[in-house]
Amino acid sequence: MLARIFFFLLGFGLSVIGFMYIIIYLNLMSIGYNFFEYVKFISSRLECLNAIIGIIIMILVIITSGGKKSELCI
């Protein structure tokens, strides 16, 4: 149970960090990048990929309920 909460919070933290960098890099649009160049840039940055990794970790934690039906699933 505590491991699931830990991994959920880890995934949440990674996704928050990743989306924060994605929002910060939106400033590139104001200096002349078009949308496709922006997407290409953020897909190559490791800190932006943290958002995807965090979401995958959270989905895996939510899907794997551990087999106990009486337990509250996060």
N, C-alpha and C. Protein backbone atom coordinates (compact mmCIF):
# COMPACT_ATOMS: atom_id res chain seq x y z
N MET A 1 0.83 -1.19 0.00
CA MET A 1 0.00 0.00 0.00
C MET A 1 0.87 1.25 0.00
N LEU A 2 1.88 1.27 0.88
CA LEU A 2 2.75 2.45 0.94
C LEU A 2 3.59 2.58 -0.32
N ALA A 3 3.95 1.45 -0.91
CA ALA A 3 4.72 1.50 -2.15
C ALA A 3 3.89 2.09 -3.28
N ARG A 4 2.60 1.75 -3.34
CA ARG A 4 1.73 2.32 -4.37
C ARG A 4 1.58 3.81 -4.20
N ILE A 5 1.44 4.26 -2.96
CA ILE A 5 1.32 5.70 -2.70
C ILE A 5 2.61 6.40 -3.08
N PHE A 6 3.76 5.79 -2.75
CA PHE A 6 5.04 6.38 -3.10
C PHE A 6 5.20 6.52 -4.61
N PHE A 7 4.88 5.44 -5.35
CA PHE A 7 5.04 5.50 -6.80
C PHE A 7 4.03 6.45 -7.44
N PHE A 8 2.83 6.54 -6.87
CA PHE A 8 1.86 7.50 -7.39
C PHE A 8 2.38 8.93 -7.20
N LEU A 9 2.90 9.22 -6.01
CA LEU A 9 3.43 10.56 -5.76
C LEU A 9 4.68 10.83 -6.60
N LEU A 10 5.49 9.81 -6.83
CA LEU A 10 6.65 9.96 -7.71
C LEU A 10 6.21 10.30 -9.13
N GLY A 11 5.22 9.59 -9.63
CA GLY A 11 4.69 9.87 -10.97
C GLY A 11 4.06 11.24 -11.05
N PHE A 12 3.35 11.63 -10.00
CA PHE A 12 2.74 12.95 -9.97
C PHE A 12 3.80 14.05 -9.99
N GLY A 13 4.86 13.85 -9.20
CA GLY A 13 5.93 14.84 -9.16
C GLY A 13 6.65 14.95 -10.50
N LEU A 14 6.91 13.82 -11.14
CA LEU A 14 7.56 13.86 -12.45
C LEU A 14 6.68 14.55 -13.49
N SER A 15 5.38 14.28 -13.45
CA SER A 15 4.50 14.92 -14.43
C SER A 15 4.38 16.42 -14.17
N VAL A 16 4.38 16.85 -12.92
CA VAL A 16 4.34 18.28 -12.63
C VAL A 16 5.60 18.96 -13.12
N ILE A 17 6.74 18.35 -12.88
CA ILE A 17 8.01 18.93 -13.36
C ILE A 17 8.03 19.00 -14.88
N GLY A 18 7.60 17.93 -15.54
CA GLY A 18 7.60 17.89 -16.99
C GLY A 18 6.68 18.93 -17.59
N PHE A 19 5.46 19.04 -17.06
CA PHE A 19 4.52 20.03 -17.60
C PHE A 19 4.95 21.45 -17.28
N MET A 20 5.64 21.63 -16.19
CA MET A 20 6.17 22.97 -15.87
C MET A 20 7.18 23.39 -16.93
N TYR A 21 8.07 22.49 -17.33
CA TYR A 21 9.04 22.83 -18.37
C TYR A 21 8.36 23.03 -19.72
N ILE A 22 7.32 22.26 -20.01
CA ILE A 22 6.61 22.44 -21.27
C ILE A 22 5.99 23.83 -21.32
N ILE A 23 5.43 24.29 -20.21
CA ILE A 23 4.84 25.63 -20.16
C ILE A 23 5.92 26.69 -20.25
N ILE A 24 7.05 26.46 -19.59
CA ILE A 24 8.15 27.44 -19.65
C ILE A 24 8.66 27.56 -21.08
N TYR A 25 8.79 26.43 -21.78
CA TYR A 25 9.31 26.47 -23.14
C TYR A 25 8.30 27.05 -24.14
N LEU A 26 7.08 27.36 -23.71
CA LEU A 26 6.14 28.05 -24.59
C LEU A 26 6.64 29.43 -24.98
N ASN A 27 7.58 29.97 -24.23
CA ASN A 27 8.17 31.26 -24.58
C ASN A 27 8.90 31.21 -25.91
N LEU A 28 9.28 30.02 -26.35
CA LEU A 28 9.94 29.90 -27.65
C LEU A 28 9.00 30.29 -28.79
N MET A 29 7.71 30.15 -28.57
CA MET A 29 6.74 30.52 -29.61
C MET A 29 6.77 32.03 -29.85
N SER A 30 7.10 32.79 -28.84
CA SER A 30 7.10 34.25 -28.99
C SER A 30 8.33 34.77 -29.71
N ILE A 31 9.39 33.95 -29.83
CA ILE A 31 10.59 34.43 -30.51
C ILE A 31 10.70 33.89 -31.93
N GLY A 32 9.64 33.25 -32.44
CA GLY A 32 9.63 32.87 -33.84
C GLY A 32 9.52 31.40 -34.15
N TYR A 33 9.50 30.54 -33.16
CA TYR A 33 9.32 29.11 -33.44
C TYR A 33 7.87 28.87 -33.85
N ASN A 34 7.67 28.00 -34.84
CA ASN A 34 6.29 27.61 -35.12
C ASN A 34 5.95 26.39 -34.26
N PHE A 35 4.72 25.91 -34.37
CA PHE A 35 4.26 24.86 -33.47
C PHE A 35 5.02 23.56 -33.68
N PHE A 36 5.33 23.20 -34.91
CA PHE A 36 6.02 21.94 -35.17
C PHE A 36 7.46 21.98 -34.67
N GLU A 37 8.13 23.11 -34.79
CA GLU A 37 9.47 23.24 -34.23
C GLU A 37 9.44 23.16 -32.71
N TYR A 38 8.39 23.74 -32.12
CA TYR A 38 8.23 23.68 -30.67
C TYR A 38 8.05 22.24 -30.20
N VAL A 39 7.18 21.49 -30.87
CA VAL A 39 6.94 20.09 -30.50
C VAL A 39 8.20 19.27 -30.69
N LYS A 40 8.94 19.52 -31.77
CA LYS A 40 10.20 18.80 -32.00
C LYS A 40 11.20 19.11 -30.89
N PHE A 41 11.25 20.37 -30.45
CA PHE A 41 12.18 20.77 -29.40
C PHE A 41 11.83 20.12 -28.07
N ILE A 42 10.55 20.19 -27.66
CA ILE A 42 10.20 19.64 -26.34
C ILE A 42 10.24 18.12 -26.33
N SER A 43 10.08 17.48 -27.50
CA SER A 43 10.16 16.02 -27.51
C SER A 43 11.61 15.54 -27.38
N SER A 44 12.57 16.44 -27.62
CA SER A 44 13.97 16.04 -27.49
C SER A 44 14.55 16.38 -26.13
N ARG A 45 13.83 17.09 -25.31
CA ARG A 45 14.33 17.49 -23.99
C ARG A 45 13.91 16.46 -22.94
N LEU A 46 14.88 16.03 -22.12
CA LEU A 46 14.62 15.01 -21.11
C LEU A 46 13.64 15.51 -20.04
N GLU A 47 13.77 16.77 -19.65
CA GLU A 47 12.89 17.27 -18.59
C GLU A 47 11.44 17.37 -19.05
N CYS A 48 11.20 17.48 -20.34
CA CYS A 48 9.83 17.48 -20.84
C CYS A 48 9.28 16.06 -20.95
N LEU A 49 10.15 15.10 -21.16
CA LEU A 49 9.71 13.71 -21.22
C LEU A 49 9.33 13.18 -19.84
N ASN A 50 9.72 13.88 -18.79
CA ASN A 50 9.30 13.49 -17.44
C ASN A 50 7.79 13.51 -17.29
N ALA A 51 7.11 14.38 -18.04
CA ALA A 51 5.65 14.43 -17.98
C ALA A 51 5.05 13.12 -18.44
N ILE A 52 5.54 12.59 -19.55
CA ILE A 52 5.01 11.34 -20.09
C ILE A 52 5.36 10.17 -19.16
N ILE A 53 6.58 10.14 -18.68
CA ILE A 53 7.00 9.07 -17.76
C ILE A 53 6.16 9.10 -16.48
N GLY A 54 5.92 10.29 -15.95
CA GLY A 54 5.11 10.42 -14.75
C GLY A 54 3.68 9.96 -14.95
N ILE A 55 3.09 10.29 -16.09
CA ILE A 55 1.72 9.87 -16.37
C ILE A 55 1.66 8.35 -16.51
N ILE A 56 2.66 7.76 -17.16
CA ILE A 56 2.69 6.29 -17.30
C ILE A 56 2.79 5.62 -15.94
N ILE A 57 3.63 6.15 -15.05
CA ILE A 57 3.77 5.58 -13.71
C ILE A 57 2.45 5.68 -12.94
N MET A 58 1.78 6.83 -13.03
CA MET A 58 0.50 6.99 -12.32
C MET A 58 -0.55 6.04 -12.88
N ILE A 59 -0.61 5.87 -14.20
CA ILE A 59 -1.59 4.95 -14.79
C ILE A 59 -1.31 3.52 -14.34
N LEU A 60 -0.04 3.13 -14.33
CA LEU A 60 0.28 1.77 -13.89
C LEU A 60 -0.09 1.54 -12.43
N VAL A 61 0.12 2.54 -11.58
CA VAL A 61 -0.24 2.39 -10.17
C VAL A 61 -1.75 2.29 -10.00
N ILE A 62 -2.49 3.06 -10.77
CA ILE A 62 -3.95 3.04 -10.65
C ILE A 62 -4.51 1.72 -11.18
N ILE A 63 -3.96 1.23 -12.29
CA ILE A 63 -4.48 0.00 -12.89
C ILE A 63 -4.20 -1.22 -12.01
N THR A 64 -3.00 -1.29 -11.47
CA THR A 64 -2.66 -2.45 -10.63
C THR A 64 -3.22 -2.24 -9.23
N SER A 65 -4.31 -2.92 -8.95
CA SER A 65 -4.97 -2.74 -7.67
C SER A 65 -4.45 -3.70 -6.61
N GLY A 66 -3.61 -4.64 -6.95
CA GLY A 66 -3.05 -5.55 -5.99
C GLY A 66 -3.93 -6.74 -5.69
N GLY A 67 -5.10 -6.84 -6.30
CA GLY A 67 -5.97 -7.98 -6.11
C GLY A 67 -6.89 -7.89 -4.92
N LYS A 68 -6.79 -6.86 -4.11
CA LYS A 68 -7.68 -6.73 -2.95
C LYS A 68 -8.86 -5.87 -3.35
N LYS A 69 -10.05 -6.42 -3.18
CA LYS A 69 -11.26 -5.70 -3.59
C LYS A 69 -11.78 -4.77 -2.48
N SER A 70 -11.42 -5.03 -1.24
CA SER A 70 -11.93 -4.21 -0.15
C SER A 70 -11.07 -2.94 0.07
N GLU A 71 -9.94 -2.89 -0.61
CA GLU A 71 -9.02 -1.77 -0.42
C GLU A 71 -9.43 -0.62 -1.34
N LEU A 72 -9.28 0.58 -0.83
CA LEU A 72 -9.58 1.77 -1.62
C LEU A 72 -8.49 1.96 -2.67
N CYS A 73 -8.86 2.00 -3.94
CA CYS A 73 -7.90 2.18 -5.01
C CYS A 73 -7.67 3.66 -5.23
N ILE A 74 -6.42 4.04 -5.34
CA ILE A 74 -6.10 5.45 -5.55
C ILE A 74 -6.36 5.80 -6.99
